C-alpha atoms as a PDB file:
ATOM      1  CA  MET A   1       7.178  12.775   5.950  1.00  0.00           C
ATOM      2  CA  LEU A   2       4.828  15.754   6.736  1.00  0.00           C
ATOM      3  CA  GLU A   3       2.057  15.448   9.527  1.00  0.00           C
ATOM      4  CA  HIS A   4      -0.528  16.267   7.178  1.00  0.00           C
ATOM      5  CA  ASP A   5       0.686  13.022   4.945  1.00  0.00           C
ATOM      6  CA  VAL A   6       0.887  10.826   7.844  1.00  0.00           C
ATOM      7  CA  ILE A   7      -2.730  11.834   8.662  1.00  0.00           C
ATOM      8  CA  GLN A   8      -3.989  11.338   4.982  1.00  0.00           C
ATOM      9  CA  SER A   9      -2.178   8.088   4.791  1.00  0.00           C
ATOM     10  CA  LEU A  10      -3.793   6.473   8.007  1.00  0.00           C
ATOM     11  CA  ALA A  11      -7.131   8.100   6.686  1.00  0.00           C
ATOM     12  CA  ALA A  12      -7.024   5.955   3.804  1.00  0.00           C
ATOM     13  CA  LEU A  13      -6.067   2.741   6.012  1.00  0.00           C
ATOM     14  CA  ALA A  14      -8.833   3.363   8.314  1.00  0.00           C
ATOM     15  CA  HIS A  15     -11.438   1.323   6.672  1.00  0.00           C
ATOM     16  CA  PRO A  16     -11.570  -2.428   6.462  1.00  0.00           C
ATOM     17  CA  VAL A  17     -11.808  -2.564   2.766  1.00  0.00           C
ATOM     18  CA  ARG A  18      -8.941  -0.331   1.921  1.00  0.00           C
ATOM     19  CA  LEU A  19      -6.680  -1.738   4.511  1.00  0.00           C
ATOM     20  CA  LYS A  20      -7.432  -5.250   3.042  1.00  0.00           C
ATOM     21  CA  VAL A  21      -6.791  -4.001  -0.776  1.00  0.00           C
ATOM     22  CA  PHE A  22      -3.540  -2.414   0.635  1.00  0.00           C
ATOM     23  CA  ARG A  23      -2.491  -5.451   2.131  1.00  0.00           C
ATOM     24  CA  ALA A  24      -3.560  -7.475  -0.827  1.00  0.00           C
ATOM     25  CA  LEU A  25      -1.082  -4.932  -3.002  1.00  0.00           C
ATOM     26  CA  VAL A  26       1.586  -5.287  -0.482  1.00  0.00           C
ATOM     27  CA  VAL A  27       1.743  -9.164  -0.646  1.00  0.00           C
ATOM     28  CA  SER A  28       1.615  -9.115  -4.238  1.00  0.00           C
ATOM     29  CA  GLY A  29       5.061  -7.170  -4.478  1.00  0.00           C
ATOM     30  CA  PRO A  30       6.426  -5.389  -7.598  1.00  0.00           C
ATOM     31  CA  ARG A  31       4.170  -7.339 -10.055  1.00  0.00           C
ATOM     32  CA  GLY A  32       1.095  -5.615  -8.494  1.00  0.00           C
ATOM     33  CA  LEU A  33      -2.814  -6.721  -9.119  1.00  0.00           C
ATOM     34  CA  THR A  34      -5.308  -5.932 -11.643  1.00  0.00           C
ATOM     35  CA  PRO A  35      -8.889  -4.921 -10.088  1.00  0.00           C
ATOM     36  CA  GLY A  36     -10.161  -8.076 -11.629  1.00  0.00           C
ATOM     37  CA  VAL A  37      -7.774 -10.358  -9.693  1.00  0.00           C
ATOM     38  CA  MET A  38      -8.465  -8.178  -6.464  1.00  0.00           C
ATOM     39  CA  GLN A  39     -12.027  -8.270  -7.190  1.00  0.00           C
ATOM     40  CA  GLU A  40     -12.139 -12.221  -7.648  1.00  0.00           C
ATOM     41  CA  GLY A  41     -10.059 -12.592  -4.956  1.00  0.00           C
ATOM     42  CA  LEU A  42     -11.157 -10.419  -2.157  1.00  0.00           C
ATOM     43  CA  GLY A  43     -14.839 -10.572  -2.932  1.00  0.00           C
ATOM     44  CA  ILE A  44     -15.189  -6.933  -3.509  1.00  0.00           C
ATOM     45  CA  PRO A  45     -17.815  -5.387  -5.984  1.00  0.00           C
ATOM     46  CA  ALA A  46     -16.170  -3.990  -8.844  1.00  0.00           C
ATOM     47  CA  THR A  47     -17.874  -0.171  -8.053  1.00  0.00           C
ATOM     48  CA  THR A  48     -16.559  -0.558  -4.349  1.00  0.00           C
ATOM     49  CA  LEU A  49     -13.169  -1.301  -5.678  1.00  0.00           C
ATOM     50  CA  SER A  50     -12.761   1.428  -7.775  1.00  0.00           C
ATOM     51  CA  PHE A  51     -13.809   3.887  -5.200  1.00  0.00           C
ATOM     52  CA  HIS A  52     -11.519   2.479  -2.400  1.00  0.00           C
ATOM     53  CA  LEU A  53      -8.324   1.912  -5.236  1.00  0.00           C
ATOM     54  CA  LYS A  54      -8.959   5.792  -6.106  1.00  0.00           C
ATOM     55  CA  GLU A  55      -8.895   6.859  -2.246  1.00  0.00           C
ATOM     56  CA  LEU A  56      -5.527   4.714  -1.610  1.00  0.00           C
ATOM     57  CA  ALA A  57      -4.057   6.236  -4.953  1.00  0.00           C
ATOM     58  CA  VAL A  58      -4.829   9.674  -3.493  1.00  0.00           C
ATOM     59  CA  ALA A  59      -3.340   9.065  -0.479  1.00  0.00           C
ATOM     60  CA  GLY A  60      -0.252   8.423  -2.000  1.00  0.00           C
ATOM     61  CA  LEU A  61       0.072   4.566  -0.678  1.00  0.00           C
ATOM     62  CA  ALA A  62      -1.085   2.889  -4.290  1.00  0.00           C
ATOM     63  CA  SER A  63       0.004   3.570  -7.876  1.00  0.00           C
ATOM     64  CA  VAL A  64      -1.820   2.660 -11.160  1.00  0.00           C
ATOM     65  CA  GLU A  65      -0.121   1.962 -14.351  1.00  0.00           C
ATOM     66  CA  ARG A  66      -2.000   1.190 -17.597  1.00  0.00           C
ATOM     67  CA  SER A  67      -0.602  -2.323 -19.437  1.00  0.00           C
ATOM     68  CA  SER A  68      -2.438  -2.652 -22.412  1.00  0.00           C
ATOM     69  CA  ARG A  69      -5.980  -2.452 -21.827  1.00  0.00           C
ATOM     70  CA  THR A  70      -5.548  -3.443 -18.233  1.00  0.00           C
ATOM     71  CA  LEU A  71      -4.851  -1.440 -15.210  1.00  0.00           C
ATOM     72  CA  VAL A  72      -2.173  -2.707 -12.759  1.00  0.00           C
ATOM     73  CA  TYR A  73      -2.389  -1.380  -9.284  1.00  0.00           C
ATOM     74  CA  ARG A  74       0.753  -1.628  -6.800  1.00  0.00           C
ATOM     75  CA  ALA A  75       1.414  -0.806  -3.183  1.00  0.00           C
ATOM     76  CA  ALA A  76       3.519   2.382  -2.914  1.00  0.00           C
ATOM     77  CA  TYR A  77       6.256   0.941  -0.911  1.00  0.00           C
ATOM     78  CA  GLU A  78       8.269   4.012  -0.575  1.00  0.00           C
ATOM     79  CA  ARG A  79       5.079   6.108   0.653  1.00  0.00           C
ATOM     80  CA  MET A  80       4.545   2.990   3.190  1.00  0.00           C
ATOM     81  CA  ASN A  81       8.001   2.792   4.264  1.00  0.00           C
ATOM     82  CA  ALA A  82       8.021   7.142   5.056  1.00  0.00           C
ATOM     83  CA  LEU A  83       4.820   6.164   7.370  1.00  0.00           C
ATOM     84  CA  LEU A  84       6.469   3.624   8.901  1.00  0.00           C
ATOM     85  CA  GLY A  85       9.254   5.731   9.657  1.00  0.00           C
ATOM     86  CA  TYR A  86       7.141   8.412  11.176  1.00  0.00           C
ATOM     87  CA  LEU A  87       5.283   6.366  13.269  1.00  0.00           C
ATOM     88  CA  THR A  88       8.559   4.333  14.832  1.00  0.00           C
ATOM     89  CA  GLU A  89      11.054   7.587  14.547  1.00  0.00           C
ATOM     90  CA  ASN A  90      10.996   7.822  17.894  1.00  0.00           C
ATOM     91  CA  CYS A  91      10.241   4.453  19.408  1.00  0.00           C
ATOM     92  CA  CYS A  92      11.343   3.577  22.847  1.00  0.00           C
ATOM     93  CA  GLN A  93      12.257   7.240  23.464  1.00  0.00           C
ATOM     94  CA  GLY A  94      15.703   7.145  21.849  1.00  0.00           C
ATOM     95  CA  ALA A  95      16.725   3.774  23.577  1.00  0.00           C
ATOM     96  CA  SER A  96      17.903   1.061  21.241  1.00  0.00           C
ATOM     97  CA  CYS A  97      15.023  -1.052  20.371  1.00  0.00           C
ATOM     98  CA  ASP A  98      14.164  -3.821  17.574  1.00  0.00           C
ATOM     99  CA  ALA A  99      11.527  -1.662  15.522  1.00  0.00           C
ATOM    100  CA  SER A 100      13.798  -0.907  12.750  1.00  0.00           C
ATOM    101  CA  ARG A 101      13.301  -4.520  11.241  1.00  0.00           C
ATOM    102  CA  ALA A 102       9.608  -3.639  10.824  1.00  0.00           C
ATOM    103  CA  ALA A 103      10.492   0.198   9.437  1.00  0.00           C
ATOM    104  CA  SER A 104      11.119  -1.026   5.831  1.00  0.00           C
ATOM    105  CA  CYS A 105       9.725  -3.185   3.146  1.00  0.00           C
ATOM    106  CA  LYS A 106      11.793  -3.648  -0.194  1.00  0.00           C
ATOM    107  CA  PRO A 107      10.040  -5.888  -1.975  1.00  0.00           C
ATOM    108  CA  GLN A 108      12.054  -8.467  -4.495  1.00  0.00           C
ATOM    109  CA  ALA A 109      10.654  -8.450  -8.097  1.00  0.00           C
ATOM    110  CA  SER A 110       9.492 -11.732  -8.611  1.00  0.00           C
ATOM    111  CA  GLN A 111      10.717 -14.109 -11.519  1.00  0.00           C
ATOM    112  CA  GLY A 112       8.883 -13.656 -14.576  1.00  0.00           C
ATOM    113  CA  ALA A 113       7.870 -10.036 -13.730  1.00  0.00           C
ATOM    114  CA  SER A 114       8.019  -7.574 -16.742  1.00  0.00           C
END
């Protein structure tokens, strides 16, 4: 991951609302969330949520897909894992440590997901 991409990702996550939205997307797994569900669950006004979702998408941390008339947002796990890998790459100055367990996330497809 390039340093510019790391900075862009960290900058996107350095806002309380975006961090909350991103974490909700990570928890939702591959099925993702619609803006309506996020708005209701997180208590964020629609225009505010839209702005923050756009910022996460520009930073590469979220993807959006149109499903019929609905938008579905998902966490970009590959980008998240690349960011975690970059941050932990030189952990413990090369000595063996347990940081590798948290260095990646592979969400399982939920039952009933399309």
